[in-house]
Amino acid sequence: MGEPGAFINGLMSLSFGAPIVAFHGTQWTGWAAIVTFVGWGQVTKGIINLCFPARSLRRMAMVEDDASSWKFAVAGAAMIPIALAMLYASTR
């Protein structure tokens, strides 16, 4: 989608990270620190993608149709234990 796609990508990251930072920004110990760090990372990514759409387009162009799709499955599988640990820690 060109630059509008880069803009949408930046807005998605910013809309995910901004509520985390707004409501979780002062806790810097334990699992709360990880959540806060992820929130700030998403805010930073969103701002960079909105300010520099050419960089965002280059990053999105790195994703190929089928040749590198297995990398997303590996990354998702690696995140499952982390998500379960965070879920367990938040319900204790």
C-alpha atoms as a PDB file:
ATOM      1  CA  MET A   1       0.000   0.000   0.000  1.00  0.00           C
ATOM      2  CA  GLY A   2       3.019   2.297  -0.037  1.00  0.00           C
ATOM      3  CA  GLU A   3       3.260   5.189   2.390  1.00  0.00           C
ATOM      4  CA  PRO A   4      -0.344   4.799   3.624  1.00  0.00           C
ATOM      5  CA  GLY A   5       0.605   1.245   4.667  1.00  0.00           C
ATOM      6  CA  ALA A   6       3.607   2.576   6.565  1.00  0.00           C
ATOM      7  CA  PHE A   7       1.331   5.109   8.267  1.00  0.00           C
ATOM      8  CA  ILE A   8      -1.141   2.380   9.266  1.00  0.00           C
ATOM      9  CA  ASN A   9       1.724   0.211  10.558  1.00  0.00           C
ATOM     10  CA  GLY A  10       2.947   3.092  12.718  1.00  0.00           C
ATOM     11  CA  LEU A  11      -0.538   3.822  14.052  1.00  0.00           C
ATOM     12  CA  MET A  12      -1.072   0.169  14.975  1.00  0.00           C
ATOM     13  CA  SER A  13       2.152   0.089  17.003  1.00  0.00           C
ATOM     14  CA  LEU A  14       1.402   3.420  18.629  1.00  0.00           C
ATOM     15  CA  SER A  15      -2.173   2.451  19.525  1.00  0.00           C
ATOM     16  CA  PHE A  16      -0.893  -0.756  21.163  1.00  0.00           C
ATOM     17  CA  GLY A  17       1.932   0.847  23.128  1.00  0.00           C
ATOM     18  CA  ALA A  18       0.344   4.126  24.223  1.00  0.00           C
ATOM     19  CA  PRO A  19      -2.273   2.600  26.593  1.00  0.00           C
ATOM     20  CA  ILE A  20       0.384   0.373  28.153  1.00  0.00           C
ATOM     21  CA  VAL A  21       2.646   3.356  28.795  1.00  0.00           C
ATOM     22  CA  ALA A  22      -0.248   5.499  30.010  1.00  0.00           C
ATOM     23  CA  PHE A  23      -1.492   3.007  32.586  1.00  0.00           C
ATOM     24  CA  HIS A  24       1.660   1.024  33.346  1.00  0.00           C
ATOM     25  CA  GLY A  25       4.508   3.490  33.076  1.00  0.00           C
ATOM     26  CA  THR A  26       5.660   3.761  36.679  1.00  0.00           C
ATOM     27  CA  GLN A  27       6.272   0.136  37.651  1.00  0.00           C
ATOM     28  CA  TRP A  28       9.832  -0.958  36.987  1.00  0.00           C
ATOM     29  CA  THR A  29      10.141  -4.225  38.920  1.00  0.00           C
ATOM     30  CA  GLY A  30       9.385  -7.827  37.978  1.00  0.00           C
ATOM     31  CA  TRP A  31       6.964  -8.662  35.181  1.00  0.00           C
ATOM     32  CA  ALA A  32       5.572  -5.131  35.245  1.00  0.00           C
ATOM     33  CA  ALA A  33       8.942  -3.890  34.000  1.00  0.00           C
ATOM     34  CA  ILE A  34       8.749  -6.222  30.999  1.00  0.00           C
ATOM     35  CA  VAL A  35       5.246  -5.028  30.107  1.00  0.00           C
ATOM     36  CA  THR A  36       6.315  -1.391  30.473  1.00  0.00           C
ATOM     37  CA  PHE A  37       9.397  -2.024  28.334  1.00  0.00           C
ATOM     38  CA  VAL A  38       7.276  -3.610  25.586  1.00  0.00           C
ATOM     39  CA  GLY A  39       4.914  -0.632  25.712  1.00  0.00           C
ATOM     40  CA  TRP A  40       7.730   1.868  25.311  1.00  0.00           C
ATOM     41  CA  GLY A  41       9.178  -0.219  22.478  1.00  0.00           C
ATOM     42  CA  GLN A  42       5.864  -0.120  20.617  1.00  0.00           C
ATOM     43  CA  VAL A  43       5.543   3.649  21.150  1.00  0.00           C
ATOM     44  CA  THR A  44       9.069   4.153  19.835  1.00  0.00           C
ATOM     45  CA  LYS A  45       8.413   1.911  16.829  1.00  0.00           C
ATOM     46  CA  GLY A  46       5.170   3.740  16.061  1.00  0.00           C
ATOM     47  CA  ILE A  47       6.779   7.174  16.205  1.00  0.00           C
ATOM     48  CA  ILE A  48       9.693   6.067  14.008  1.00  0.00           C
ATOM     49  CA  ASN A  49       7.332   4.536  11.437  1.00  0.00           C
ATOM     50  CA  LEU A  50       5.195   7.688  11.363  1.00  0.00           C
ATOM     51  CA  CYS A  51       8.162  10.056  11.064  1.00  0.00           C
ATOM     52  CA  PHE A  52      10.206   7.977   8.602  1.00  0.00           C
ATOM     53  CA  PRO A  53       7.832   6.108   6.252  1.00  0.00           C
ATOM     54  CA  ALA A  54      10.645   5.158   3.856  1.00  0.00           C
ATOM     55  CA  ARG A  55      12.360   3.187   6.630  1.00  0.00           C
ATOM     56  CA  SER A  56       9.090   1.470   7.437  1.00  0.00           C
ATOM     57  CA  LEU A  57       8.613   0.520   3.778  1.00  0.00           C
ATOM     58  CA  ARG A  58      12.120  -0.977   3.633  1.00  0.00           C
ATOM     59  CA  ARG A  59      11.411  -3.081   6.753  1.00  0.00           C
ATOM     60  CA  MET A  60       8.077  -4.292   5.378  1.00  0.00           C
ATOM     61  CA  ALA A  61       9.714  -5.186   2.055  1.00  0.00           C
ATOM     62  CA  MET A  62      11.946  -7.688   3.882  1.00  0.00           C
ATOM     63  CA  VAL A  63       8.946  -9.989   4.370  1.00  0.00           C
ATOM     64  CA  GLU A  64       8.528 -12.354   1.433  1.00  0.00           C
ATOM     65  CA  ASP A  65       5.476 -14.359   0.452  1.00  0.00           C
ATOM     66  CA  ASP A  66       6.332 -17.970   1.303  1.00  0.00           C
ATOM     67  CA  ALA A  67      10.101 -18.213   1.549  1.00  0.00           C
ATOM     68  CA  SER A  68      10.430 -16.749   5.028  1.00  0.00           C
ATOM     69  CA  SER A  69       7.001 -17.503   6.491  1.00  0.00           C
ATOM     70  CA  TRP A  70       8.460 -20.183   8.776  1.00  0.00           C
ATOM     71  CA  LYS A  71      10.299 -17.444  10.693  1.00  0.00           C
ATOM     72  CA  PHE A  72       6.977 -16.051  11.924  1.00  0.00           C
ATOM     73  CA  ALA A  73       5.926 -19.468  13.205  1.00  0.00           C
ATOM     74  CA  VAL A  74       9.214 -19.892  15.086  1.00  0.00           C
ATOM     75  CA  ALA A  75       8.925 -16.429  16.644  1.00  0.00           C
ATOM     76  CA  GLY A  76       5.320 -17.095  17.658  1.00  0.00           C
ATOM     77  CA  ALA A  77       6.217 -20.441  19.199  1.00  0.00           C
ATOM     78  CA  ALA A  78       9.048 -18.813  21.148  1.00  0.00           C
ATOM     79  CA  MET A  79       6.647 -16.198  22.556  1.00  0.00           C
ATOM     80  CA  ILE A  80       4.101 -18.712  23.876  1.00  0.00           C
ATOM     81  CA  PRO A  81       6.097 -19.654  27.032  1.00  0.00           C
ATOM     82  CA  ILE A  82       6.747 -15.980  27.760  1.00  0.00           C
ATOM     83  CA  ALA A  83       3.045 -15.159  27.403  1.00  0.00           C
ATOM     84  CA  LEU A  84       2.073 -18.067  29.657  1.00  0.00           C
ATOM     85  CA  ALA A  85       4.591 -16.990  32.300  1.00  0.00           C
ATOM     86  CA  MET A  86       3.259 -13.434  32.209  1.00  0.00           C
ATOM     87  CA  LEU A  87      -0.310 -14.698  32.453  1.00  0.00           C
ATOM     88  CA  TYR A  88       0.580 -16.865  35.448  1.00  0.00           C
ATOM     89  CA  ALA A  89       2.406 -13.996  37.150  1.00  0.00           C
ATOM     90  CA  SER A  90      -0.499 -11.610  36.618  1.00  0.00           C
ATOM     91  CA  THR A  91      -3.070 -13.992  38.113  1.00  0.00           C
ATOM     92  CA  ARG A  92      -1.125 -14.843  41.276  1.00  0.00           C
END
